[in-house]
Structure formats: structure tokens, C-alpha cells
Amino acid sequence: MRSYSASVEGRSLRAVIAVLLVGLAALTVYPFVYVLAYSLSDGITASARNITVYPVDPTLRNYHAVLLNNGIMQAFFISVSRTVIGSSLHLVVTCLCAYTLSKRYLVGRKFLMPFFIIPMYFSGGLLPFYVVITRLGLHNNFLVYILPLAFNSYHMLILRVFFAQVPAELEESARLDGAGDSRILLQIVLPTSLPVIATILLFIGVLHWNSWLDTLLFVTSRELVTLQALLQRIILESQTRDMIDIMRMAQASQTTNVTPESIKMATLMVATVPIILAYPFLQRYFVKGLMIGAVKG
């Protein structure tokens, strides 16, 4: 009888947890569904009616107006470029540093580690960072998006732990066959560390794609504005030059029934969908990387 009661209680507890998790998932997904429904709705009709899950008077006019705007497409290109180039350079620099510091025979390794660990907890702050960027001449320069994020100590330490766990026998046999450090890194260490590399790639890719503060601080040229910074301007101020340009372009192309609010929603979707589409390609490695990290600590 006691075991039966415990079984019933266990099932009830699992049912309550499942309901709570489903409710939490619904709360998380609904804002995205709302934005999608609004972006696919007729602007004037949507402003007069409440949007729930389904679009009202479905149309693609909002996206047509967004994609016709040269400013948004230029910002989209800048965001994609900085994400691809910045993430690639970040992986190269971080992997090289992590592989070097994973070698116990490296002279001065214990002396070098504090130089990477201390900045993780203490930084000079925004003002010194601004001065450094200014002295380097990176204002209104595409490299301002790339160089400051080319290295991350936390990511390096994660990769270093994984690289150190590669069996020494594999490297020894490769060296007997005449392989150098470059070949060992490319053909042995990196292929066995794909889960953690994919995890780091996802982290830095999302950071690059969502970043807008560096544009606000260091970029005044419209040709270098990122999509997230442009979206931030459009959301905060409906009467910005960017929004006026979009509405003017929509009227010139006879794209009627679009409103500033519907343009905002369509721009939100354009800024969100690419990173969502990229996630499934890294998901299996990402989950595996997290599980390995949980087990090996």
C-alpha cells in the first residue's frame, strides 16, 4: 500500500512539474508568436484590433517595405559579416591560446595564467576601453566589431580543459609519425573537441549578432550601423530618420497599409530569425558539450 501511495505521489509530482514547464515554455514562446503574427498582419487593421496568435488580414507588405529599405539591408549585411568574421577569428585566436596553455611542458605557464584569469574578474571599465579604441583609430572602422571580441579568457579556459583531456598517447603517436603541433591541433585535438567548439561558436556568434552598444559608442557612419543598433533606434523612436526612410520607401513602392508599429515587428523578425535558424545546426554539439562539461566538471 505504501509503495502504491509513493507511486501515485510520484506521478502527481511529475504531472505538476510537466504543467509548470509547459506553462513556462508557453510564456517564453508567446512573445515571438505575437511579433510574428503582427508582422504578418495588415498594419492599419492590426492597430485597430487585438493580435493574439493569428495574423489579421495576412500580408507580406511589412516585409516588402523592410526589404526594400537599403539602410536595413546594409545593416543586415554588416551584422552577418561581423558575426561570421568575428566568430571565426575568435575561434582561431582562442583555440591557439588554449592549445598552447594546455601543454604542461610550456615554460612559464603558471606565470602566464594569472594574466588571463585576473581580467575575468577585474576590468578597467568603459572609459579606459573607450580611450583604447580611440587611440587605435577604430572609430567608424569595421574592425571595432572584430578586434575587441577576438579573444575571451573564459572561453579559452573552457577549451584549455578539453584540450588537456585529449589522450597523450594520440599526440605521442602523431609525433612519432612526424606530425608537428599545427597538424596535431588540426587533425587530432580539434576533431575530438567539436562539442565544446560548437558551444563556444554559438556563444560568440550570438554575442556578435545581438551586440549594439559598440555601434552606439564608436560608429557614427550609417554604412557601418549593425542591424541590432538600427532596430534599437527604430523601436525607441518611431520618428527617426530610419523609420521615415522606410515609410517613404513603402509609399513610393505603393506598399500601403503599413504602419510604424508593423514595420517594427517585421524588422524584429528579420533580426531574430537568422540566429534561430543557425541554432539547429549546432544543437547536437551544443547539448553534448554541456553534458560533457557537467560530467567532467
C-alpha atoms as a PDB file:
ATOM      1  CA  MET A   1       0.000   0.000   0.000  1.00  0.00           C
ATOM      2  CA  ARG A   2       2.859   2.285   0.923  1.00  0.00           C
ATOM      3  CA  SER A   3       4.630   1.706  -2.405  1.00  0.00           C
ATOM      4  CA  TYR A   4       1.371   2.363  -4.290  1.00  0.00           C
ATOM      5  CA  SER A   5       0.911   5.708  -2.485  1.00  0.00           C
ATOM      6  CA  ALA A   6       4.508   6.661  -3.258  1.00  0.00           C
ATOM      7  CA  SER A   7       3.955   5.781  -6.918  1.00  0.00           C
ATOM      8  CA  VAL A   8       0.801   7.927  -7.080  1.00  0.00           C
ATOM      9  CA  GLU A   9       2.590  10.832  -5.409  1.00  0.00           C
ATOM     10  CA  GLY A  10       5.488  10.477  -7.838  1.00  0.00           C
ATOM     11  CA  ARG A  11       3.176  10.582 -10.848  1.00  0.00           C
ATOM     12  CA  SER A  12       1.319  13.575  -9.435  1.00  0.00           C
ATOM     13  CA  LEU A  13       4.559  15.425  -8.823  1.00  0.00           C
ATOM     14  CA  ARG A  14       5.763  14.704 -12.370  1.00  0.00           C
ATOM     15  CA  ALA A  15       2.423  15.904 -13.753  1.00  0.00           C
ATOM     16  CA  VAL A  16       2.669  19.179 -11.800  1.00  0.00           C
ATOM     17  CA  ILE A  17       6.257  19.723 -12.987  1.00  0.00           C
ATOM     18  CA  ALA A  18       5.219  18.988 -16.581  1.00  0.00           C
ATOM     19  CA  VAL A  19       2.369  21.519 -16.382  1.00  0.00           C
ATOM     20  CA  LEU A  20       4.697  24.155 -14.940  1.00  0.00           C
ATOM     21  CA  LEU A  21       7.305  23.543 -17.633  1.00  0.00           C
ATOM     22  CA  VAL A  22       4.700  23.713 -20.403  1.00  0.00           C
ATOM     23  CA  GLY A  23       3.384  26.963 -18.962  1.00  0.00           C
ATOM     24  CA  LEU A  24       6.898  28.404 -18.750  1.00  0.00           C
ATOM     25  CA  ALA A  25       7.589  27.352 -22.349  1.00  0.00           C
ATOM     26  CA  ALA A  26       4.338  28.993 -23.495  1.00  0.00           C
ATOM     27  CA  LEU A  27       5.264  32.239 -21.723  1.00  0.00           C
ATOM     28  CA  THR A  28       8.669  32.157 -23.399  1.00  0.00           C
ATOM     29  CA  VAL A  29       7.394  31.403 -26.900  1.00  0.00           C
ATOM     30  CA  TYR A  30       4.318  33.649 -26.937  1.00  0.00           C
ATOM     31  CA  PRO A  31       6.146  36.998 -27.414  1.00  0.00           C
ATOM     32  CA  PHE A  32       7.820  35.561 -30.510  1.00  0.00           C
ATOM     33  CA  VAL A  33       4.477  34.260 -31.818  1.00  0.00           C
ATOM     34  CA  TYR A  34       2.882  37.663 -31.166  1.00  0.00           C
ATOM     35  CA  VAL A  35       5.608  39.533 -33.056  1.00  0.00           C
ATOM     36  CA  LEU A  36       5.352  37.072 -35.953  1.00  0.00           C
ATOM     37  CA  ALA A  37       1.558  37.409 -36.125  1.00  0.00           C
ATOM     38  CA  TYR A  38       1.742  41.220 -36.000  1.00  0.00           C
ATOM     39  CA  SER A  39       4.431  41.364 -38.683  1.00  0.00           C
ATOM     40  CA  LEU A  40       2.241  39.296 -40.994  1.00  0.00           C
ATOM     41  CA  SER A  41      -0.848  41.432 -40.356  1.00  0.00           C
ATOM     42  CA  ASP A  42      -2.161  44.442 -42.215  1.00  0.00           C
ATOM     43  CA  GLY A  43      -0.741  47.441 -40.358  1.00  0.00           C
ATOM     44  CA  ILE A  44      -3.931  49.504 -40.149  1.00  0.00           C
ATOM     45  CA  THR A  45      -6.115  46.537 -39.230  1.00  0.00           C
ATOM     46  CA  ALA A  46      -3.625  45.356 -36.573  1.00  0.00           C
ATOM     47  CA  SER A  47      -3.577  48.812 -34.965  1.00  0.00           C
ATOM     48  CA  ALA A  48      -7.351  48.710 -34.601  1.00  0.00           C
ATOM     49  CA  ARG A  49      -7.698  45.119 -33.370  1.00  0.00           C
ATOM     50  CA  ASN A  50      -6.007  42.971 -30.753  1.00  0.00           C
ATOM     51  CA  ILE A  51      -3.490  40.449 -32.097  1.00  0.00           C
ATOM     52  CA  THR A  52      -3.329  37.168 -30.198  1.00  0.00           C
ATOM     53  CA  VAL A  53      -1.820  34.226 -32.109  1.00  0.00           C
ATOM     54  CA  TYR A  54      -3.086  34.552 -35.665  1.00  0.00           C
ATOM     55  CA  PRO A  55      -2.421  37.475 -38.030  1.00  0.00           C
ATOM     56  CA  VAL A  56      -5.360  39.617 -39.144  1.00  0.00           C
ATOM     57  CA  ASP A  57      -5.672  40.332 -42.854  1.00  0.00           C
ATOM     58  CA  PRO A  58      -2.432  38.392 -43.559  1.00  0.00           C
ATOM     59  CA  THR A  59       0.010  40.199 -45.814  1.00  0.00           C
ATOM     60  CA  LEU A  60       3.716  40.386 -46.643  1.00  0.00           C
ATOM     61  CA  ARG A  61       3.657  44.145 -47.214  1.00  0.00           C
ATOM     62  CA  ASN A  62       5.527  44.858 -43.990  1.00  0.00           C
ATOM     63  CA  TYR A  63       8.414  42.615 -45.024  1.00  0.00           C
ATOM     64  CA  HIS A  64       8.308  44.069 -48.510  1.00  0.00           C
ATOM     65  CA  ALA A  65       8.739  47.556 -47.054  1.00  0.00           C
ATOM     66  CA  VAL A  66      11.591  46.412 -44.804  1.00  0.00           C
ATOM     67  CA  LEU A  67      13.488  44.550 -47.521  1.00  0.00           C
ATOM     68  CA  LEU A  68      13.166  47.477 -49.915  1.00  0.00           C
ATOM     69  CA  ASN A  69      14.974  49.761 -47.484  1.00  0.00           C
ATOM     70  CA  ASN A  70      18.673  49.987 -48.307  1.00  0.00           C
ATOM     71  CA  GLY A  71      19.546  51.001 -44.739  1.00  0.00           C
ATOM     72  CA  ILE A  72      18.126  47.812 -43.219  1.00  0.00           C
ATOM     73  CA  MET A  73      19.729  45.546 -45.820  1.00  0.00           C
ATOM     74  CA  GLN A  74      23.081  47.292 -45.337  1.00  0.00           C
ATOM     75  CA  ALA A  75      22.780  46.846 -41.566  1.00  0.00           C
ATOM     76  CA  PHE A  76      21.849  43.183 -42.096  1.00  0.00           C
ATOM     77  CA  PHE A  77      24.972  42.686 -44.227  1.00  0.00           C
ATOM     78  CA  ILE A  78      27.172  44.350 -41.573  1.00  0.00           C
ATOM     79  CA  SER A  79      25.709  42.139 -38.830  1.00  0.00           C
ATOM     80  CA  VAL A  80      26.208  38.965 -40.857  1.00  0.00           C
ATOM     81  CA  SER A  81      29.761  39.994 -41.774  1.00  0.00           C
ATOM     82  CA  ARG A  82      30.783  40.802 -38.220  1.00  0.00           C
ATOM     83  CA  THR A  83      29.225  37.583 -36.923  1.00  0.00           C
ATOM     84  CA  VAL A  84      30.967  35.339 -39.459  1.00  0.00           C
ATOM     85  CA  ILE A  85      34.361  37.085 -39.455  1.00  0.00           C
ATOM     86  CA  GLY A  86      34.369  37.871 -35.738  1.00  0.00           C
ATOM     87  CA  SER A  87      33.344  34.358 -34.671  1.00  0.00           C
ATOM     88  CA  SER A  88      35.919  32.746 -36.976  1.00  0.00           C
ATOM     89  CA  LEU A  89      38.757  34.950 -35.712  1.00  0.00           C
ATOM     90  CA  HIS A  90      37.647  34.400 -32.115  1.00  0.00           C
ATOM     91  CA  LEU A  91      37.821  30.627 -32.545  1.00  0.00           C
ATOM     92  CA  VAL A  92      41.252  30.769 -34.191  1.00  0.00           C
ATOM     93  CA  VAL A  93      42.826  33.033 -31.556  1.00  0.00           C
ATOM     94  CA  THR A  94      41.174  31.320 -28.581  1.00  0.00           C
ATOM     95  CA  CYS A  95      41.964  27.801 -29.790  1.00  0.00           C
ATOM     96  CA  LEU A  96      45.626  28.646 -30.414  1.00  0.00           C
ATOM     97  CA  CYS A  97      45.986  30.172 -26.960  1.00  0.00           C
ATOM     98  CA  ALA A  98      44.108  27.311 -25.248  1.00  0.00           C
ATOM     99  CA  TYR A  99      46.166  24.644 -27.028  1.00  0.00           C
ATOM    100  CA  THR A 100      49.420  26.352 -26.053  1.00  0.00           C
ATOM    101  CA  LEU A 101      48.454  26.716 -22.386  1.00  0.00           C
ATOM    102  CA  SER A 102      47.202  23.113 -22.214  1.00  0.00           C
ATOM    103  CA  LYS A 103      50.791  21.842 -22.542  1.00  0.00           C
ATOM    104  CA  ARG A 104      52.394  21.072 -19.198  1.00  0.00           C
ATOM    105  CA  TYR A 105      55.858  21.493 -20.664  1.00  0.00           C
ATOM    106  CA  LEU A 106      55.201  25.128 -21.633  1.00  0.00           C
ATOM    107  CA  VAL A 107      57.814  27.274 -19.914  1.00  0.00           C
ATOM    108  CA  GLY A 108      56.228  29.890 -17.645  1.00  0.00           C
ATOM    109  CA  ARG A 109      52.699  28.500 -17.936  1.00  0.00           C
ATOM    110  CA  LYS A 110      51.907  29.125 -14.261  1.00  0.00           C
ATOM    111  CA  PHE A 111      53.243  32.654 -14.595  1.00  0.00           C
ATOM    112  CA  LEU A 112      51.085  33.362 -17.670  1.00  0.00           C
ATOM    113  CA  MET A 113      47.764  32.077 -16.334  1.00  0.00           C
ATOM    114  CA  PRO A 114      47.085  34.993 -13.912  1.00  0.00           C
ATOM    115  CA  PHE A 115      47.297  37.417 -16.864  1.00  0.00           C
ATOM    116  CA  PHE A 116      44.271  35.653 -18.356  1.00  0.00           C
ATOM    117  CA  ILE A 117      42.333  34.968 -15.157  1.00  0.00           C
ATOM    118  CA  ILE A 118      42.569  38.368 -13.401  1.00  0.00           C
ATOM    119  CA  PRO A 119      40.888  40.365 -16.249  1.00  0.00           C
ATOM    120  CA  MET A 120      37.918  37.994 -15.984  1.00  0.00           C
ATOM    121  CA  TYR A 121      37.109  39.489 -12.568  1.00  0.00           C
ATOM    122  CA  PHE A 122      38.583  42.992 -12.786  1.00  0.00           C
ATOM    123  CA  SER A 123      38.390  45.331 -15.762  1.00  0.00           C
ATOM    124  CA  GLY A 124      39.389  48.917 -16.344  1.00  0.00           C
ATOM    125  CA  GLY A 125      35.814  49.922 -17.113  1.00  0.00           C
ATOM    126  CA  LEU A 126      34.157  51.639 -20.032  1.00  0.00           C
ATOM    127  CA  LEU A 127      36.222  54.837 -20.036  1.00  0.00           C
ATOM    128  CA  PRO A 128      39.649  53.161 -20.449  1.00  0.00           C
ATOM    129  CA  PHE A 129      38.143  50.893 -23.085  1.00  0.00           C
ATOM    130  CA  TYR A 130      36.864  53.929 -24.974  1.00  0.00           C
ATOM    131  CA  VAL A 131      40.305  55.567 -24.771  1.00  0.00           C
ATOM    132  CA  VAL A 132      41.992  52.427 -26.130  1.00  0.00           C
ATOM    133  CA  ILE A 133      39.577  52.212 -29.056  1.00  0.00           C
ATOM    134  CA  THR A 134      40.155  55.899 -29.789  1.00  0.00           C
ATOM    135  CA  ARG A 135      43.949  55.605 -29.680  1.00  0.00           C
ATOM    136  CA  LEU A 136      43.827  52.609 -32.005  1.00  0.00           C
ATOM    137  CA  GLY A 137      41.849  54.658 -34.535  1.00  0.00           C
ATOM    138  CA  LEU A 138      38.937  52.230 -34.643  1.00  0.00           C
ATOM    139  CA  HIS A 139      36.171  54.843 -34.664  1.00  0.00           C
ATOM    140  CA  ASN A 140      33.967  54.335 -37.732  1.00  0.00           C
ATOM    141  CA  ASN A 141      36.059  51.280 -38.590  1.00  0.00           C
ATOM    142  CA  PHE A 142      34.635  47.812 -39.216  1.00  0.00           C
ATOM    143  CA  LEU A 143      37.459  46.336 -37.120  1.00  0.00           C
ATOM    144  CA  VAL A 144      35.907  47.866 -33.990  1.00  0.00           C
ATOM    145  CA  TYR A 145      33.430  44.990 -34.171  1.00  0.00           C
ATOM    146  CA  ILE A 146      36.111  42.334 -34.649  1.00  0.00           C
ATOM    147  CA  LEU A 147      39.261  43.066 -32.632  1.00  0.00           C
ATOM    148  CA  PRO A 148      37.791  43.693 -29.127  1.00  0.00           C
ATOM    149  CA  LEU A 149      35.976  40.332 -29.257  1.00  0.00           C
ATOM    150  CA  ALA A 150      38.816  38.348 -30.837  1.00  0.00           C
ATOM    151  CA  PHE A 151      39.665  36.731 -27.504  1.00  0.00           C
ATOM    152  CA  ASN A 152      37.833  35.737 -24.335  1.00  0.00           C
ATOM    153  CA  SER A 153      39.609  34.329 -21.276  1.00  0.00           C
ATOM    154  CA  TYR A 154      36.602  32.326 -20.108  1.00  0.00           C
ATOM    155  CA  HIS A 155      36.223  30.616 -23.470  1.00  0.00           C
ATOM    156  CA  MET A 156      39.967  29.963 -23.527  1.00  0.00           C
ATOM    157  CA  LEU A 157      39.856  28.242 -20.128  1.00  0.00           C
ATOM    158  CA  ILE A 158      36.979  26.004 -21.247  1.00  0.00           C
ATOM    159  CA  LEU A 159      38.851  24.984 -24.393  1.00  0.00           C
ATOM    160  CA  ARG A 160      42.064  24.502 -22.430  1.00  0.00           C
ATOM    161  CA  VAL A 161      40.377  21.985 -20.118  1.00  0.00           C
ATOM    162  CA  PHE A 162      39.077  19.980 -23.077  1.00  0.00           C
ATOM    163  CA  PHE A 163      42.376  20.097 -24.959  1.00  0.00           C
ATOM    164  CA  ALA A 164      44.224  18.887 -21.853  1.00  0.00           C
ATOM    165  CA  GLN A 165      41.942  15.838 -21.703  1.00  0.00           C
ATOM    166  CA  VAL A 166      42.970  14.575 -25.131  1.00  0.00           C
ATOM    167  CA  PRO A 167      44.939  11.335 -24.506  1.00  0.00           C
ATOM    168  CA  ALA A 168      48.664  11.977 -24.557  1.00  0.00           C
ATOM    169  CA  GLU A 169      49.169   8.709 -26.427  1.00  0.00           C
ATOM    170  CA  LEU A 170      47.449  10.144 -29.503  1.00  0.00           C
ATOM    171  CA  GLU A 171      49.830  13.079 -29.631  1.00  0.00           C
ATOM    172  CA  GLU A 172      52.866  10.906 -28.974  1.00  0.00           C
ATOM    173  CA  SER A 173      51.994   8.542 -31.809  1.00  0.00           C
ATOM    174  CA  ALA A 174      51.407  11.502 -34.118  1.00  0.00           C
ATOM    175  CA  ARG A 175      54.800  12.961 -33.227  1.00  0.00           C
ATOM    176  CA  LEU A 176      56.456   9.628 -33.960  1.00  0.00           C
ATOM    177  CA  ASP A 177      54.886   9.850 -37.427  1.00  0.00           C
ATOM    178  CA  GLY A 178      56.474  13.263 -37.898  1.00  0.00           C
ATOM    179  CA  ALA A 179      53.468  15.478 -37.121  1.00  0.00           C
ATOM    180  CA  GLY A 180      54.062  18.923 -35.651  1.00  0.00           C
ATOM    181  CA  ASP A 181      51.912  20.940 -33.275  1.00  0.00           C
ATOM    182  CA  SER A 182      49.891  22.500 -36.101  1.00  0.00           C
ATOM    183  CA  ARG A 183      48.961  19.136 -37.577  1.00  0.00           C
ATOM    184  CA  ILE A 184      48.194  17.654 -34.157  1.00  0.00           C
ATOM    185  CA  LEU A 185      45.902  20.583 -33.357  1.00  0.00           C
ATOM    186  CA  LEU A 186      44.067  20.471 -36.699  1.00  0.00           C
ATOM    187  CA  GLN A 187      43.772  16.692 -37.173  1.00  0.00           C
ATOM    188  CA  ILE A 188      43.608  15.310 -33.636  1.00  0.00           C
ATOM    189  CA  VAL A 189      42.712  17.876 -30.975  1.00  0.00           C
ATOM    190  CA  LEU A 190      40.044  19.913 -32.800  1.00  0.00           C
ATOM    191  CA  PRO A 191      38.074  16.929 -34.229  1.00  0.00           C
ATOM    192  CA  THR A 192      37.846  15.384 -30.761  1.00  0.00           C
ATOM    193  CA  SER A 193      36.680  18.699 -29.281  1.00  0.00           C
ATOM    194  CA  LEU A 194      33.836  19.505 -31.686  1.00  0.00           C
ATOM    195  CA  PRO A 195      31.140  19.694 -28.963  1.00  0.00           C
ATOM    196  CA  VAL A 196      32.915  22.382 -26.944  1.00  0.00           C
ATOM    197  CA  ILE A 197      33.991  24.250 -30.092  1.00  0.00           C
ATOM    198  CA  ALA A 198      30.375  24.336 -31.295  1.00  0.00           C
ATOM    199  CA  THR A 199      29.299  25.593 -27.867  1.00  0.00           C
ATOM    200  CA  ILE A 200      31.867  28.402 -27.929  1.00  0.00           C
ATOM    201  CA  LEU A 201      30.899  29.209 -31.524  1.00  0.00           C
ATOM    202  CA  LEU A 202      27.250  29.535 -30.520  1.00  0.00           C
ATOM    203  CA  PHE A 203      28.090  31.786 -27.572  1.00  0.00           C
ATOM    204  CA  ILE A 204      30.315  34.162 -29.526  1.00  0.00           C
ATOM    205  CA  GLY A 205      28.018  34.103 -32.577  1.00  0.00           C
ATOM    206  CA  VAL A 206      25.001  35.167 -30.519  1.00  0.00           C
ATOM    207  CA  LEU A 207      27.126  37.829 -28.803  1.00  0.00           C
ATOM    208  CA  HIS A 208      28.208  39.299 -32.143  1.00  0.00           C
ATOM    209  CA  TRP A 209      24.719  39.153 -33.639  1.00  0.00           C
ATOM    210  CA  ASN A 210      22.994  40.776 -30.659  1.00  0.00           C
ATOM    211  CA  SER A 211      25.642  43.417 -29.970  1.00  0.00           C
ATOM    212  CA  TRP A 212      24.590  47.047 -30.425  1.00  0.00           C
ATOM    213  CA  LEU A 213      26.446  49.011 -27.738  1.00  0.00           C
ATOM    214  CA  ASP A 214      29.707  49.125 -29.704  1.00  0.00           C
ATOM    215  CA  THR A 215      27.822  50.690 -32.615  1.00  0.00           C
ATOM    216  CA  LEU A 216      26.301  53.264 -30.287  1.00  0.00           C
ATOM    217  CA  LEU A 217      29.684  54.192 -28.806  1.00  0.00           C
ATOM    218  CA  PHE A 218      32.093  54.014 -31.728  1.00  0.00           C
ATOM    219  CA  VAL A 219      30.156  54.293 -35.003  1.00  0.00           C
ATOM    220  CA  THR A 220      28.508  57.351 -36.496  1.00  0.00           C
ATOM    221  CA  SER A 221      28.645  56.293 -40.146  1.00  0.00           C
ATOM    222  CA  ARG A 222      25.335  54.882 -41.411  1.00  0.00           C
ATOM    223  CA  GLU A 223      27.247  52.447 -43.633  1.00  0.00           C
ATOM    224  CA  LEU A 224      28.623  50.613 -40.553  1.00  0.00           C
ATOM    225  CA  VAL A 225      25.464  50.501 -38.404  1.00  0.00           C
ATOM    226  CA  THR A 226      24.534  46.965 -37.344  1.00  0.00           C
ATOM    227  CA  LEU A 227      21.032  45.564 -37.590  1.00  0.00           C
ATOM    228  CA  GLN A 228      20.567  45.425 -33.813  1.00  0.00           C
ATOM    229  CA  ALA A 229      21.617  49.062 -33.388  1.00  0.00           C
ATOM    230  CA  LEU A 230      19.274  50.113 -36.193  1.00  0.00           C
ATOM    231  CA  LEU A 231      16.456  48.107 -34.619  1.00  0.00           C
ATOM    232  CA  GLN A 232      17.134  49.761 -31.268  1.00  0.00           C
ATOM    233  CA  ARG A 233      16.774  53.179 -32.878  1.00  0.00           C
ATOM    234  CA  ILE A 234      13.557  52.225 -34.658  1.00  0.00           C
ATOM    235  CA  ILE A 235      11.982  50.778 -31.506  1.00  0.00           C
ATOM    236  CA  LEU A 236      12.881  53.708 -29.254  1.00  0.00           C
ATOM    237  CA  GLU A 237      11.887  56.444 -31.664  1.00  0.00           C
ATOM    238  CA  SER A 238       9.229  55.956 -34.304  1.00  0.00           C
ATOM    239  CA  GLN A 239      10.102  59.258 -35.976  1.00  0.00           C
ATOM    240  CA  THR A 240      13.803  58.587 -36.533  1.00  0.00           C
ATOM    241  CA  ARG A 241      15.376  59.181 -39.913  1.00  0.00           C
ATOM    242  CA  ASP A 242      15.469  55.419 -40.466  1.00  0.00           C
ATOM    243  CA  MET A 243      11.748  54.982 -39.880  1.00  0.00           C
ATOM    244  CA  ILE A 244      10.921  57.975 -42.068  1.00  0.00           C
ATOM    245  CA  ASP A 245      13.028  56.478 -44.866  1.00  0.00           C
ATOM    246  CA  ILE A 246      11.233  53.143 -44.560  1.00  0.00           C
ATOM    247  CA  MET A 247       7.772  54.722 -44.661  1.00  0.00           C
ATOM    248  CA  ARG A 248       8.775  56.901 -47.608  1.00  0.00           C
ATOM    249  CA  MET A 249      10.099  53.874 -49.486  1.00  0.00           C
ATOM    250  CA  ALA A 250       6.891  51.977 -48.746  1.00  0.00           C
ATOM    251  CA  GLN A 251       4.764  54.778 -50.136  1.00  0.00           C
ATOM    252  CA  ALA A 252       6.960  55.077 -53.243  1.00  0.00           C
ATOM    253  CA  SER A 253       6.534  51.362 -53.956  1.00  0.00           C
ATOM    254  CA  GLN A 254       2.773  51.598 -53.349  1.00  0.00           C
ATOM    255  CA  THR A 255       3.089  49.351 -50.301  1.00  0.00           C
ATOM    256  CA  THR A 256       0.093  50.732 -48.444  1.00  0.00           C
ATOM    257  CA  ASN A 257      -1.412  49.837 -45.098  1.00  0.00           C
ATOM    258  CA  VAL A 258       1.932  49.648 -43.341  1.00  0.00           C
ATOM    259  CA  THR A 259       2.410  51.473 -40.035  1.00  0.00           C
ATOM    260  CA  PRO A 260       5.477  52.244 -37.904  1.00  0.00           C
ATOM    261  CA  GLU A 261       4.427  49.510 -35.467  1.00  0.00           C
ATOM    262  CA  SER A 262       4.084  46.848 -38.172  1.00  0.00           C
ATOM    263  CA  ILE A 263       7.473  47.895 -39.585  1.00  0.00           C
ATOM    264  CA  LYS A 264       8.998  47.451 -36.119  1.00  0.00           C
ATOM    265  CA  MET A 265       7.597  43.936 -35.848  1.00  0.00           C
ATOM    266  CA  ALA A 266       8.824  42.949 -39.298  1.00  0.00           C
ATOM    267  CA  THR A 267      12.290  44.319 -38.524  1.00  0.00           C
ATOM    268  CA  LEU A 268      12.301  42.373 -35.255  1.00  0.00           C
ATOM    269  CA  MET A 269      11.638  39.171 -37.153  1.00  0.00           C
ATOM    270  CA  VAL A 270      14.361  39.924 -39.705  1.00  0.00           C
ATOM    271  CA  ALA A 271      16.803  40.424 -36.814  1.00  0.00           C
ATOM    272  CA  THR A 272      15.690  37.316 -34.894  1.00  0.00           C
ATOM    273  CA  VAL A 273      15.119  34.584 -37.483  1.00  0.00           C
ATOM    274  CA  PRO A 274      18.748  34.151 -38.727  1.00  0.00           C
ATOM    275  CA  ILE A 275      20.135  33.252 -35.295  1.00  0.00           C
ATOM    276  CA  ILE A 276      17.177  30.927 -34.650  1.00  0.00           C
ATOM    277  CA  LEU A 277      17.811  29.142 -37.955  1.00  0.00           C
ATOM    278  CA  ALA A 278      21.502  28.726 -37.115  1.00  0.00           C
ATOM    279  CA  TYR A 279      20.842  27.085 -33.753  1.00  0.00           C
ATOM    280  CA  PRO A 280      19.584  23.656 -35.011  1.00  0.00           C
ATOM    281  CA  PHE A 281      22.850  23.071 -36.894  1.00  0.00           C
ATOM    282  CA  LEU A 282      24.823  23.429 -33.640  1.00  0.00           C
ATOM    283  CA  GLN A 283      22.265  21.970 -31.257  1.00  0.00           C
ATOM    284  CA  ARG A 284      23.526  18.379 -31.116  1.00  0.00           C
ATOM    285  CA  TYR A 285      27.097  19.524 -30.476  1.00  0.00           C
ATOM    286  CA  PHE A 286      25.902  22.190 -28.047  1.00  0.00           C
ATOM    287  CA  VAL A 287      23.934  19.735 -25.885  1.00  0.00           C
ATOM    288  CA  LYS A 288      26.783  17.222 -25.940  1.00  0.00           C
ATOM    289  CA  GLY A 289      29.269  19.914 -24.958  1.00  0.00           C
ATOM    290  CA  LEU A 290      27.156  20.978 -21.996  1.00  0.00           C
ATOM    291  CA  MET A 291      26.723  17.364 -20.843  1.00  0.00           C
ATOM    292  CA  ILE A 292      30.440  16.650 -21.080  1.00  0.00           C
ATOM    293  CA  GLY A 293      31.179  19.787 -19.109  1.00  0.00           C
ATOM    294  CA  ALA A 294      28.645  18.739 -16.447  1.00  0.00           C
ATOM    295  CA  VAL A 295      30.203  15.277 -16.094  1.00  0.00           C
ATOM    296  CA  LYS A 296      33.864  16.276 -16.182  1.00  0.00           C
ATOM    297  CA  GLY A 297      33.326  19.480 -14.227  1.00  0.00           C
END
